[in-house]
Amino acid sequence: MPNEEKMTIDERYKYLRMRQKVYLEANRKEASRLLDEMQEVSGLHRKTLIRHMNSRIARKPRRKQRGKTYGSQVDDALRVISESLDYICAERLTPSLVPMALLLARHGEMEVSPLLLEQLGHISVSTVRRRQKKIERLQLWRLPRRKGPKRPNPVTRNIPMRIIPWDEQEPGHFEVDLVHHCGHSASGDYVHTVQMIDVATGWSERAAVLGRSLLRYNCKRRSQRVMEDAFRRILKRLPFPVLEIHPDNGSEFFNWHLVRFWKDTVKGIRLTRSRPFHKNDNRFVEHLSWRRQGKNSTLVRAYFGNERLDSVPQTLLLNEIYDKMETCSSLSCA
């Protein structure tokens, strides 16, 4: 083993346990040769090796936990740098910490110190991964949920559950989701974005609608009219026919009005749904987390964030932006 390639602690103990039996059965001269070999491979002192060879080789439990090496400044730097690099994985993020910190400090996006730069240069990939998970838990927020048992939706009883294969070759199989622009309060009327993603081609379409929370079981007819308007707006722009609509189990998608709308509007369409509480079933459109991002994150949240939008001018402006996004997408495909 090259001297430059250091063993981990577990690898070192495993190697010593493998050589211990040979060492105990060897004569004096052979034992000395084995000690020379183990000293070169493991990098341990000769006296330490002799002590290990004559005792039980096992890691002792840590009596005292180590103190924190990296403080809140490192967490703040990781948060800013991760957001700037679109939340790439720890393996790609770690080598870029120091250069990105200097670049962001040059543009006034963060403050750096010699100590912070030194810590960012020495932090390991595993530590960055652990702190990414911590930051994710702190940043994750959810809309308030209705308390009490949830009544089953009778419409979904006849809708089959399935996952659209990731390697689907035929265009027309769409994952569908609804993005809320309500901020931290789901009260009153606010803007929603209806988004459809084709699994085969990646073609995406969006439409903004204004209405009261569309996640209630007893949806009003008015809410379903704006949903129908959004789908009609999207259908006019699609360059190929819709073969399958695959949303989650929300009643904003599965109610008698919309089921009848799809059957009357698109002949032969297939309605399917994902499994409850399985966001991975709609992995192309869902915003799974800050490190695993669907189109809800990259094409909606990345532009408009989590701010509350609740007016007619904002709805019209969102649709104008979505029209321009669709035009740019068409030009790039052409």
Protein backbone atom coordinates (compact mmCIF):
# COMPACT_ATOMS: atom_id res chain seq x y z
CA MET A 1 0.00 0.00 0.00
CA PRO A 2 1.47 3.41 -0.89
CA ASN A 3 2.46 5.58 2.02
CA GLU A 4 0.47 8.50 0.62
CA GLU A 5 -2.81 6.54 0.89
CA LYS A 6 -3.67 6.57 4.57
CA MET A 7 -5.84 3.89 6.15
CA THR A 8 -9.05 4.73 7.92
CA ILE A 9 -9.34 3.61 11.53
CA ASP A 10 -11.67 0.73 10.64
CA GLU A 11 -9.36 -0.44 7.86
CA ARG A 12 -6.38 -0.28 10.25
CA TYR A 13 -8.09 -2.41 12.91
CA LYS A 14 -9.24 -4.91 10.31
CA TYR A 15 -5.69 -5.25 8.95
CA LEU A 16 -4.22 -5.73 12.44
CA ARG A 17 -6.78 -8.42 13.29
CA MET A 18 -5.84 -10.28 10.09
CA ARG A 19 -2.11 -10.18 10.95
CA GLN A 20 -2.50 -10.97 14.66
CA LYS A 21 -2.98 -14.72 14.20
CA VAL A 22 0.12 -14.95 11.99
CA TYR A 23 2.12 -12.85 14.46
CA LEU A 24 1.22 -15.03 17.48
CA GLU A 25 2.26 -18.23 15.65
CA ALA A 26 5.55 -16.79 14.30
CA ASN A 27 9.01 -17.13 15.82
CA ARG A 28 11.07 -14.16 17.03
CA LYS A 29 12.68 -13.41 13.68
CA GLU A 30 9.43 -13.74 11.72
CA ALA A 31 7.57 -11.64 14.30
CA SER A 32 10.15 -8.85 13.90
CA ARG A 33 9.68 -8.94 10.15
CA LEU A 34 5.88 -8.77 10.55
CA LEU A 35 6.23 -5.76 12.84
CA ASP A 36 8.32 -3.98 10.22
CA GLU A 37 5.67 -4.72 7.59
CA MET A 38 2.75 -3.59 9.80
CA GLN A 39 4.62 -0.44 10.80
CA GLU A 40 5.11 0.50 7.16
CA VAL A 41 1.52 -0.28 6.14
CA SER A 42 -0.40 1.15 9.09
CA GLY A 43 1.92 4.01 10.05
CA LEU A 44 1.67 3.08 13.77
CA HIS A 45 4.59 3.10 16.21
CA ARG A 46 6.30 -0.23 16.80
CA LYS A 47 5.46 -0.27 20.51
CA THR A 48 1.81 0.40 19.70
CA LEU A 49 1.78 -2.55 17.30
CA ILE A 50 3.31 -4.87 19.92
CA ARG A 51 0.66 -3.83 22.43
CA HIS A 52 -2.11 -4.48 19.88
CA MET A 53 -0.70 -7.87 18.88
CA ASN A 54 -0.73 -9.08 22.48
CA SER A 55 -4.24 -7.93 23.35
CA ARG A 56 -7.75 -7.90 21.95
CA ILE A 57 -7.89 -5.62 18.91
CA ALA A 58 -11.08 -3.58 19.04
CA ARG A 59 -12.07 0.05 19.11
CA LYS A 60 -12.89 1.38 22.55
CA PRO A 61 -16.06 3.43 22.98
CA ARG A 62 -15.48 7.15 23.19
CA ARG A 63 -15.66 8.33 26.80
CA LYS A 64 -16.10 12.00 26.01
CA GLN A 65 -17.69 13.56 22.97
CA ARG A 66 -15.62 15.99 21.00
CA GLY A 67 -16.56 19.64 20.99
CA LYS A 68 -17.95 21.40 17.94
CA THR A 69 -15.32 22.22 15.38
CA TYR A 70 -17.51 24.38 13.14
CA GLY A 71 -19.89 27.02 14.43
CA SER A 72 -22.87 28.91 13.11
CA GLN A 73 -20.73 30.99 10.74
CA VAL A 74 -19.92 27.85 8.74
CA ASP A 75 -23.63 26.95 8.63
CA ASP A 76 -24.50 30.43 7.35
CA ALA A 77 -21.77 30.22 4.72
CA LEU A 78 -22.95 26.76 3.60
CA ARG A 79 -26.51 28.03 3.31
CA VAL A 80 -25.55 30.99 1.11
CA ILE A 81 -23.08 29.06 -1.05
CA SER A 82 -25.47 26.10 -1.50
CA GLU A 83 -28.25 28.41 -2.63
CA SER A 84 -25.88 30.17 -5.05
CA LEU A 85 -24.88 26.85 -6.61
CA ASP A 86 -28.49 25.59 -6.80
CA TYR A 87 -28.07 23.11 -3.92
CA ILE A 88 -25.60 20.72 -5.51
CA CYS A 89 -24.50 17.60 -3.62
CA ALA A 90 -21.84 17.68 -0.89
CA GLU A 91 -19.26 15.96 -3.10
CA ARG A 92 -19.41 18.79 -5.64
CA LEU A 93 -20.02 21.56 -3.12
CA THR A 94 -17.05 20.96 -0.79
CA PRO A 95 -14.21 21.76 -3.27
CA SER A 96 -16.01 24.97 -4.28
CA LEU A 97 -16.57 26.42 -0.80
CA VAL A 98 -13.50 28.67 -0.58
CA PRO A 99 -13.62 30.02 -4.18
CA MET A 100 -17.36 30.69 -3.94
CA ALA A 101 -16.99 32.35 -0.51
CA LEU A 102 -14.37 34.74 -1.92
CA LEU A 103 -16.52 35.45 -4.99
CA LEU A 104 -19.67 36.13 -2.95
CA ALA A 105 -17.73 38.30 -0.51
CA ARG A 106 -16.37 40.34 -3.43
CA HIS A 107 -19.96 41.08 -4.51
CA GLY A 108 -21.18 41.83 -0.98
CA GLU A 109 -23.35 38.71 -0.60
CA MET A 110 -21.56 37.44 2.53
CA GLU A 111 -18.77 38.31 4.94
CA VAL A 112 -15.67 36.17 5.26
CA SER A 113 -12.82 36.02 7.74
CA PRO A 114 -9.48 34.20 7.70
CA LEU A 115 -10.84 31.71 10.26
CA LEU A 116 -13.95 31.03 8.17
CA LEU A 117 -11.90 30.49 5.01
CA GLU A 118 -9.61 28.12 6.89
CA GLN A 119 -12.57 26.11 8.19
CA LEU A 120 -14.20 25.96 4.75
CA GLY A 121 -10.92 24.69 3.34
CA HIS A 122 -10.61 21.88 5.90
CA ILE A 123 -14.24 20.76 6.25
CA SER A 124 -14.88 17.22 5.01
CA VAL A 125 -17.51 16.00 2.58
CA SER A 126 -19.30 13.97 5.27
CA THR A 127 -19.52 17.02 7.56
CA VAL A 128 -20.93 19.13 4.72
CA ARG A 129 -23.51 16.41 4.03
CA ARG A 130 -24.61 16.31 7.68
CA ARG A 131 -24.90 20.08 7.87
CA GLN A 132 -26.87 20.17 4.61
CA LYS A 133 -29.45 17.91 6.23
CA LYS A 134 -29.56 20.17 9.29
CA ILE A 135 -30.07 23.26 7.14
CA GLU A 136 -32.78 21.43 5.18
CA ARG A 137 -34.72 20.69 8.38
CA LEU A 138 -34.50 24.31 9.47
CA GLN A 139 -35.58 25.69 6.10
CA LEU A 140 -38.43 23.26 5.50
CA TRP A 141 -41.86 24.70 6.28
CA ARG A 142 -45.30 23.32 5.58
CA LEU A 143 -48.76 24.71 5.22
CA PRO A 144 -50.99 24.17 8.28
CA ARG A 145 -52.87 20.87 8.06
CA ARG A 146 -56.52 20.33 8.94
CA LYS A 147 -56.85 18.47 12.21
CA GLY A 148 -59.05 15.43 12.61
CA PRO A 149 -59.68 12.40 10.39
CA LYS A 150 -59.74 13.03 6.66
CA ARG A 151 -62.76 11.81 4.75
CA PRO A 152 -61.93 9.53 1.81
CA ASN A 153 -62.50 10.93 -1.65
CA PRO A 154 -65.02 8.69 -3.44
CA VAL A 155 -63.84 9.91 -6.85
CA THR A 156 -60.42 8.27 -6.48
CA ARG A 157 -61.84 4.78 -5.90
CA ASN A 158 -62.02 4.08 -9.63
CA ILE A 159 -58.75 5.88 -10.49
CA PRO A 160 -55.81 3.42 -10.63
CA MET A 161 -52.53 4.16 -8.83
CA ARG A 162 -49.30 3.76 -10.78
CA ILE A 163 -45.89 5.30 -11.52
CA ILE A 164 -45.15 6.55 -15.03
CA PRO A 165 -41.89 4.80 -16.06
CA TRP A 166 -38.95 7.17 -16.16
CA ASP A 167 -37.94 5.80 -19.58
CA GLU A 168 -41.37 6.33 -21.17
CA GLN A 169 -40.82 6.82 -24.92
CA GLU A 170 -44.25 8.05 -26.03
CA PRO A 171 -45.06 11.76 -25.51
CA GLY A 172 -48.33 12.62 -23.80
CA HIS A 173 -47.94 11.14 -20.30
CA PHE A 174 -48.10 14.16 -17.99
CA GLU A 175 -47.34 14.52 -14.31
CA VAL A 176 -49.48 17.31 -12.83
CA ASP A 177 -49.17 19.32 -9.64
CA LEU A 178 -50.44 22.50 -8.01
CA VAL A 179 -48.07 25.09 -6.52
CA HIS A 180 -49.44 27.42 -3.82
CA HIS A 181 -48.40 31.07 -3.74
CA CYS A 182 -49.94 31.79 -0.34
CA GLY A 183 -46.85 32.55 1.74
CA HIS A 184 -47.26 31.31 5.30
CA SER A 185 -51.04 31.72 5.42
CA ALA A 186 -53.52 29.67 3.41
CA SER A 187 -56.48 31.92 4.21
CA GLY A 188 -58.51 33.81 1.63
CA ASP A 189 -57.98 33.90 -2.12
CA TYR A 190 -54.47 33.53 -3.50
CA VAL A 191 -52.68 32.48 -6.68
CA HIS A 192 -51.98 28.87 -7.65
CA THR A 193 -49.81 27.57 -10.48
CA VAL A 194 -51.00 24.47 -12.34
CA GLN A 195 -48.01 22.72 -13.88
CA MET A 196 -47.86 19.77 -16.30
CA ILE A 197 -44.62 17.93 -17.15
CA ASP A 198 -44.37 15.38 -19.97
CA VAL A 199 -42.23 12.46 -18.82
CA ALA A 200 -40.94 11.42 -22.25
CA THR A 201 -39.89 14.83 -23.63
CA GLY A 202 -39.66 17.01 -20.51
CA TRP A 203 -42.07 19.52 -22.13
CA SER A 204 -43.51 21.72 -19.39
CA GLU A 205 -46.58 23.96 -19.30
CA ARG A 206 -47.87 26.24 -16.55
CA ALA A 207 -50.91 28.41 -15.89
CA ALA A 208 -51.72 30.69 -12.96
CA VAL A 209 -55.19 30.79 -11.40
CA LEU A 210 -56.70 32.83 -8.58
CA GLY A 211 -59.06 31.30 -6.06
CA ARG A 212 -59.64 30.13 -2.54
CA SER A 213 -57.64 27.16 -1.27
CA LEU A 214 -58.24 24.38 -3.80
CA LEU A 215 -57.23 21.62 -1.40
CA ARG A 216 -60.58 21.34 0.34
CA TYR A 217 -62.67 18.25 -0.11
CA ASN A 218 -65.91 20.15 -0.84
CA CYS A 219 -64.46 22.37 -3.57
CA LYS A 220 -66.76 25.05 -4.87
CA ARG A 221 -67.83 25.07 -8.47
CA ARG A 222 -66.07 28.44 -8.91
CA SER A 223 -62.70 26.90 -8.00
CA GLN A 224 -63.19 24.12 -10.54
CA ARG A 225 -64.00 26.63 -13.26
CA VAL A 226 -60.63 28.33 -12.83
CA MET A 227 -58.95 24.90 -12.87
CA GLU A 228 -60.74 24.06 -16.13
CA ASP A 229 -59.65 27.42 -17.57
CA ALA A 230 -56.04 26.65 -16.63
CA PHE A 231 -56.15 23.23 -18.28
CA ARG A 232 -57.79 24.64 -21.42
CA ARG A 233 -55.07 27.30 -21.58
CA ILE A 234 -52.39 24.60 -21.36
CA LEU A 235 -54.06 22.26 -23.87
CA LYS A 236 -54.05 25.00 -26.52
CA ARG A 237 -50.27 25.31 -26.28
CA LEU A 238 -49.33 21.62 -26.27
CA PRO A 239 -47.63 20.41 -29.46
CA PHE A 240 -48.84 16.80 -29.00
CA PRO A 241 -52.01 15.15 -27.63
CA VAL A 242 -52.48 14.27 -23.97
CA LEU A 243 -52.63 10.52 -23.34
CA GLU A 244 -52.43 10.41 -19.54
CA ILE A 245 -52.95 12.81 -16.63
CA HIS A 246 -51.10 11.74 -13.47
CA PRO A 247 -51.52 14.07 -10.46
CA ASP A 248 -51.45 13.34 -6.74
CA ASN A 249 -54.58 12.44 -4.76
CA GLY A 250 -55.77 16.00 -4.12
CA SER A 251 -59.44 16.82 -4.56
CA GLU A 252 -58.47 19.81 -6.69
CA PHE A 253 -57.73 17.23 -9.42
CA PHE A 254 -60.10 14.39 -8.56
CA ASN A 255 -63.66 15.67 -8.29
CA TRP A 256 -66.72 14.99 -10.39
CA HIS A 257 -66.40 18.29 -12.31
CA LEU A 258 -62.82 17.76 -13.50
CA VAL A 259 -63.24 14.05 -14.18
CA ARG A 260 -66.18 14.91 -16.43
CA PHE A 261 -64.12 17.72 -18.00
CA TRP A 262 -61.31 15.38 -19.01
CA LYS A 263 -63.65 12.75 -20.40
CA ASP A 264 -65.57 15.33 -22.45
CA THR A 265 -62.57 17.38 -23.60
CA VAL A 266 -59.94 14.76 -24.44
CA LYS A 267 -61.25 11.49 -25.83
CA GLY A 268 -59.48 8.34 -24.68
CA ILE A 269 -57.45 10.06 -21.97
CA ARG A 270 -56.21 7.93 -19.09
CA LEU A 271 -56.55 9.25 -15.53
CA THR A 272 -54.08 7.81 -13.01
CA ARG A 273 -52.79 8.94 -9.63
CA SER A 274 -49.77 8.51 -7.41
CA ARG A 275 -49.75 6.61 -4.14
CA PRO A 276 -50.70 8.68 -1.08
CA PHE A 277 -47.68 10.23 0.68
CA HIS A 278 -45.28 9.09 -2.08
CA LYS A 279 -43.88 12.23 -3.73
CA ASN A 280 -41.39 10.10 -5.67
CA ASP A 281 -44.28 8.86 -7.82
CA ASN A 282 -44.39 12.37 -9.34
CA ARG A 283 -40.64 12.93 -9.17
CA PHE A 284 -40.38 15.09 -12.33
CA VAL A 285 -42.81 17.75 -11.16
CA GLU A 286 -42.80 17.55 -7.35
CA HIS A 287 -40.59 19.77 -5.20
CA LEU A 288 -39.12 16.91 -3.14
CA SER A 289 -36.55 18.80 -1.08
CA TRP A 290 -33.91 21.49 -1.38
CA ARG A 291 -31.39 18.97 -2.76
CA ARG A 292 -33.72 16.92 -4.94
CA GLN A 293 -35.65 19.39 -7.02
CA GLY A 294 -38.50 18.87 -9.43
CA LYS A 295 -39.90 21.34 -11.91
CA ASN A 296 -41.99 22.99 -9.19
CA SER A 297 -38.73 24.21 -7.72
CA THR A 298 -36.71 25.04 -10.83
CA LEU A 299 -39.49 26.54 -12.96
CA VAL A 300 -41.80 28.10 -10.33
CA ARG A 301 -40.20 28.57 -6.90
CA ALA A 302 -36.86 29.65 -8.38
CA TYR A 303 -38.64 32.57 -10.09
CA PHE A 304 -41.29 33.61 -7.55
CA GLY A 305 -40.07 32.20 -4.23
CA ASN A 306 -42.48 31.60 -1.35
CA GLU A 307 -44.08 35.05 -1.25
CA ARG A 308 -47.86 35.50 -1.13
CA LEU A 309 -49.55 36.46 -4.40
CA ASP A 310 -53.27 37.20 -4.09
CA SER A 311 -54.44 39.72 -6.67
CA VAL A 312 -55.77 39.69 -10.23
CA PRO A 313 -52.87 41.79 -11.64
CA GLN A 314 -50.38 39.34 -10.13
CA THR A 315 -52.24 36.42 -11.71
CA LEU A 316 -52.22 38.08 -15.13
CA LEU A 317 -48.53 38.94 -14.77
CA LEU A 318 -47.66 35.34 -13.89
CA ASN A 319 -49.48 34.10 -16.98
CA GLU A 320 -47.59 36.61 -19.13
CA ILE A 321 -44.31 35.32 -17.69
CA TYR A 322 -45.39 31.70 -18.24
CA ASP A 323 -46.27 32.54 -21.87
CA LYS A 324 -42.76 33.91 -22.39
CA MET A 325 -41.23 30.86 -20.71
CA GLU A 326 -43.22 28.64 -23.07
CA THR A 327 -42.07 30.68 -26.08
CA CYS A 328 -38.42 30.44 -25.03
CA SER A 329 -38.81 26.71 -24.52
CA SER A 330 -40.30 26.30 -28.00
CA LEU A 331 -37.50 28.30 -29.61
CA SER A 332 -34.83 26.26 -27.81
CA CYS A 333 -36.46 23.00 -28.89
CA ALA A 334 -36.69 24.22 -32.46
